[in-house]
Amino acid sequence: MSPEARIWIAIVGVGLTGIVTRCSFLFLGERLVLPVAIERALRHAPAAALAATVVPGVLVMDGSVLGAVENPRFAAALVAAVVMWMSRGMLWSMAAGVAVYTALRLLLAA
């Protein structure tokens, strides 16, 4: 089998897997009853996906994990999390994070 054929088989296989797993809940509907433990675990999936997306962007730069001292993104994320926790306002959280990140970038560059 040629390398191109293997690549196309892999692409089609991954695509079909994604479609089948996402559409299975639509097709099965009420007939699929998940155990309580699985339903409880699936409630945490969005937060886990968000953390898996954000944490590497905050902690890793150029392939290495940075400490809190030399990483303005860590300080900005920490401030944004505290503001979000205290105010429950997404706009305030984003503004605080961007302000801290920009200030630290300007201070560290000087």
C-alpha atoms as a PDB file:
ATOM      1  CA  MET A   1       0.000   0.000   0.000  1.00  0.00           C
ATOM      2  CA  SER A   2       1.348   3.425  -0.923  1.00  0.00           C
ATOM      3  CA  PRO A   3       2.070   6.090   1.713  1.00  0.00           C
ATOM      4  CA  GLU A   4      -0.562   8.363   0.153  1.00  0.00           C
ATOM      5  CA  ALA A   5      -3.224   5.669   0.507  1.00  0.00           C
ATOM      6  CA  ARG A   6      -2.303   5.161   4.159  1.00  0.00           C
ATOM      7  CA  ILE A   7      -2.605   8.878   4.799  1.00  0.00           C
ATOM      8  CA  TRP A   8      -6.053   8.998   3.181  1.00  0.00           C
ATOM      9  CA  ILE A   9      -7.202   5.954   5.145  1.00  0.00           C
ATOM     10  CA  ALA A  10      -6.038   7.637   8.344  1.00  0.00           C
ATOM     11  CA  ILE A  11      -7.804  10.898   7.459  1.00  0.00           C
ATOM     12  CA  VAL A  12     -11.069   9.143   6.611  1.00  0.00           C
ATOM     13  CA  GLY A  13     -10.831   6.940   9.712  1.00  0.00           C
ATOM     14  CA  VAL A  14     -10.284   9.876  12.062  1.00  0.00           C
ATOM     15  CA  GLY A  15     -13.096  11.804  10.378  1.00  0.00           C
ATOM     16  CA  LEU A  16     -15.553   8.922  10.660  1.00  0.00           C
ATOM     17  CA  THR A  17     -14.592   8.329  14.274  1.00  0.00           C
ATOM     18  CA  GLY A  18     -15.298  11.967  15.094  1.00  0.00           C
ATOM     19  CA  ILE A  19     -18.617  11.974  13.282  1.00  0.00           C
ATOM     20  CA  VAL A  20     -19.823   8.685  14.794  1.00  0.00           C
ATOM     21  CA  THR A  21     -18.914   9.618  18.364  1.00  0.00           C
ATOM     22  CA  ARG A  22     -20.510  13.057  18.112  1.00  0.00           C
ATOM     23  CA  CYS A  23     -23.665  11.915  16.347  1.00  0.00           C
ATOM     24  CA  SER A  24     -24.237   8.826  18.466  1.00  0.00           C
ATOM     25  CA  PHE A  25     -26.047  10.858  21.125  1.00  0.00           C
ATOM     26  CA  LEU A  26     -28.310  12.389  18.477  1.00  0.00           C
ATOM     27  CA  PHE A  27     -29.192   9.044  16.905  1.00  0.00           C
ATOM     28  CA  LEU A  28     -29.568   7.104  20.140  1.00  0.00           C
ATOM     29  CA  GLY A  29     -31.327   9.877  22.059  1.00  0.00           C
ATOM     30  CA  GLU A  30     -33.252   8.671  25.079  1.00  0.00           C
ATOM     31  CA  ARG A  31     -32.461   5.026  24.362  1.00  0.00           C
ATOM     32  CA  LEU A  32     -28.922   5.490  25.663  1.00  0.00           C
ATOM     33  CA  VAL A  33     -28.874   5.712  29.438  1.00  0.00           C
ATOM     34  CA  LEU A  34     -25.474   6.391  30.949  1.00  0.00           C
ATOM     35  CA  PRO A  35     -24.579   5.251  34.436  1.00  0.00           C
ATOM     36  CA  VAL A  36     -24.681   7.938  37.103  1.00  0.00           C
ATOM     37  CA  ALA A  37     -20.896   7.795  37.630  1.00  0.00           C
ATOM     38  CA  ILE A  38     -20.249   8.516  33.948  1.00  0.00           C
ATOM     39  CA  GLU A  39     -22.785  11.364  33.880  1.00  0.00           C
ATOM     40  CA  ARG A  40     -21.105  12.863  36.949  1.00  0.00           C
ATOM     41  CA  ALA A  41     -17.678  12.561  35.321  1.00  0.00           C
ATOM     42  CA  LEU A  42     -18.892  14.105  32.053  1.00  0.00           C
ATOM     43  CA  ARG A  43     -20.007  17.225  33.913  1.00  0.00           C
ATOM     44  CA  HIS A  44     -16.320  18.055  34.393  1.00  0.00           C
ATOM     45  CA  ALA A  45     -15.355  17.564  30.741  1.00  0.00           C
ATOM     46  CA  PRO A  46     -15.753  21.220  29.637  1.00  0.00           C
ATOM     47  CA  ALA A  47     -13.585  22.513  32.497  1.00  0.00           C
ATOM     48  CA  ALA A  48     -10.979  19.836  31.806  1.00  0.00           C
ATOM     49  CA  ALA A  49     -10.900  20.705  28.100  1.00  0.00           C
ATOM     50  CA  LEU A  50     -10.536  24.399  28.884  1.00  0.00           C
ATOM     51  CA  ALA A  51      -7.726  23.725  31.350  1.00  0.00           C
ATOM     52  CA  ALA A  52      -5.956  21.467  28.847  1.00  0.00           C
ATOM     53  CA  THR A  53      -6.099  24.286  26.310  1.00  0.00           C
ATOM     54  CA  VAL A  54      -5.146  27.217  28.551  1.00  0.00           C
ATOM     55  CA  VAL A  55      -2.527  25.786  30.932  1.00  0.00           C
ATOM     56  CA  PRO A  56       0.138  24.974  28.307  1.00  0.00           C
ATOM     57  CA  GLY A  57      -0.277  28.435  26.807  1.00  0.00           C
ATOM     58  CA  VAL A  58       0.245  30.038  30.201  1.00  0.00           C
ATOM     59  CA  LEU A  59       3.075  27.886  31.545  1.00  0.00           C
ATOM     60  CA  VAL A  60       5.081  26.811  28.484  1.00  0.00           C
ATOM     61  CA  MET A  61       7.165  29.076  26.263  1.00  0.00           C
ATOM     62  CA  ASP A  62       9.569  27.853  23.585  1.00  0.00           C
ATOM     63  CA  GLY A  63       9.173  24.250  24.750  1.00  0.00           C
ATOM     64  CA  SER A  64      10.136  24.809  28.378  1.00  0.00           C
ATOM     65  CA  VAL A  65       8.080  25.383  31.496  1.00  0.00           C
ATOM     66  CA  LEU A  66       8.633  28.844  32.888  1.00  0.00           C
ATOM     67  CA  GLY A  67       8.595  29.795  36.544  1.00  0.00           C
ATOM     68  CA  ALA A  68       6.271  32.443  37.895  1.00  0.00           C
ATOM     69  CA  VAL A  69       8.999  35.094  38.148  1.00  0.00           C
ATOM     70  CA  GLU A  70       9.952  35.293  34.469  1.00  0.00           C
ATOM     71  CA  ASN A  71       6.498  34.524  33.072  1.00  0.00           C
ATOM     72  CA  PRO A  72       4.147  37.496  32.632  1.00  0.00           C
ATOM     73  CA  ARG A  73       1.409  35.194  31.327  1.00  0.00           C
ATOM     74  CA  PHE A  74       1.306  33.314  34.636  1.00  0.00           C
ATOM     75  CA  ALA A  75       0.898  36.523  36.642  1.00  0.00           C
ATOM     76  CA  ALA A  76      -1.765  37.798  34.237  1.00  0.00           C
ATOM     77  CA  ALA A  77      -3.681  34.516  34.414  1.00  0.00           C
ATOM     78  CA  LEU A  78      -3.470  34.523  38.205  1.00  0.00           C
ATOM     79  CA  VAL A  79      -4.772  38.090  38.428  1.00  0.00           C
ATOM     80  CA  ALA A  80      -7.539  37.333  35.913  1.00  0.00           C
ATOM     81  CA  ALA A  81      -8.582  34.265  37.928  1.00  0.00           C
ATOM     82  CA  VAL A  82      -8.720  36.251  41.175  1.00  0.00           C
ATOM     83  CA  VAL A  83     -10.714  39.059  39.539  1.00  0.00           C
ATOM     84  CA  MET A  84     -13.098  36.507  38.021  1.00  0.00           C
ATOM     85  CA  TRP A  85     -13.538  34.792  41.372  1.00  0.00           C
ATOM     86  CA  MET A  86     -14.224  38.075  43.174  1.00  0.00           C
ATOM     87  CA  SER A  87     -16.327  39.928  40.601  1.00  0.00           C
ATOM     88  CA  ARG A  88     -17.876  37.080  38.573  1.00  0.00           C
ATOM     89  CA  GLY A  89     -17.481  39.404  35.598  1.00  0.00           C
ATOM     90  CA  MET A  90     -15.818  38.066  32.476  1.00  0.00           C
ATOM     91  CA  LEU A  91     -15.121  41.528  31.073  1.00  0.00           C
ATOM     92  CA  TRP A  92     -13.376  42.662  34.283  1.00  0.00           C
ATOM     93  CA  SER A  93     -11.377  39.471  34.379  1.00  0.00           C
ATOM     94  CA  MET A  94     -10.195  39.854  30.794  1.00  0.00           C
ATOM     95  CA  ALA A  95      -9.381  43.546  31.272  1.00  0.00           C
ATOM     96  CA  ALA A  96      -7.349  42.840  34.409  1.00  0.00           C
ATOM     97  CA  GLY A  97      -5.444  39.994  32.770  1.00  0.00           C
ATOM     98  CA  VAL A  98      -4.621  42.036  29.664  1.00  0.00           C
ATOM     99  CA  ALA A  99      -3.590  45.048  31.778  1.00  0.00           C
ATOM    100  CA  VAL A 100      -1.255  42.978  33.972  1.00  0.00           C
ATOM    101  CA  TYR A 101       0.200  41.131  30.999  1.00  0.00           C
ATOM    102  CA  THR A 102       0.840  44.346  29.071  1.00  0.00           C
ATOM    103  CA  ALA A 103       2.362  46.118  32.075  1.00  0.00           C
ATOM    104  CA  LEU A 104       4.660  43.217  32.873  1.00  0.00           C
ATOM    105  CA  ARG A 105       5.740  42.811  29.250  1.00  0.00           C
ATOM    106  CA  LEU A 106       6.640  46.494  29.092  1.00  0.00           C
ATOM    107  CA  LEU A 107       8.456  46.400  32.438  1.00  0.00           C
ATOM    108  CA  LEU A 108      10.379  43.209  31.682  1.00  0.00           C
ATOM    109  CA  ALA A 109      11.384  44.426  28.223  1.00  0.00           C
ATOM    110  CA  ALA A 110      12.928  47.602  29.652  1.00  0.00           C
END
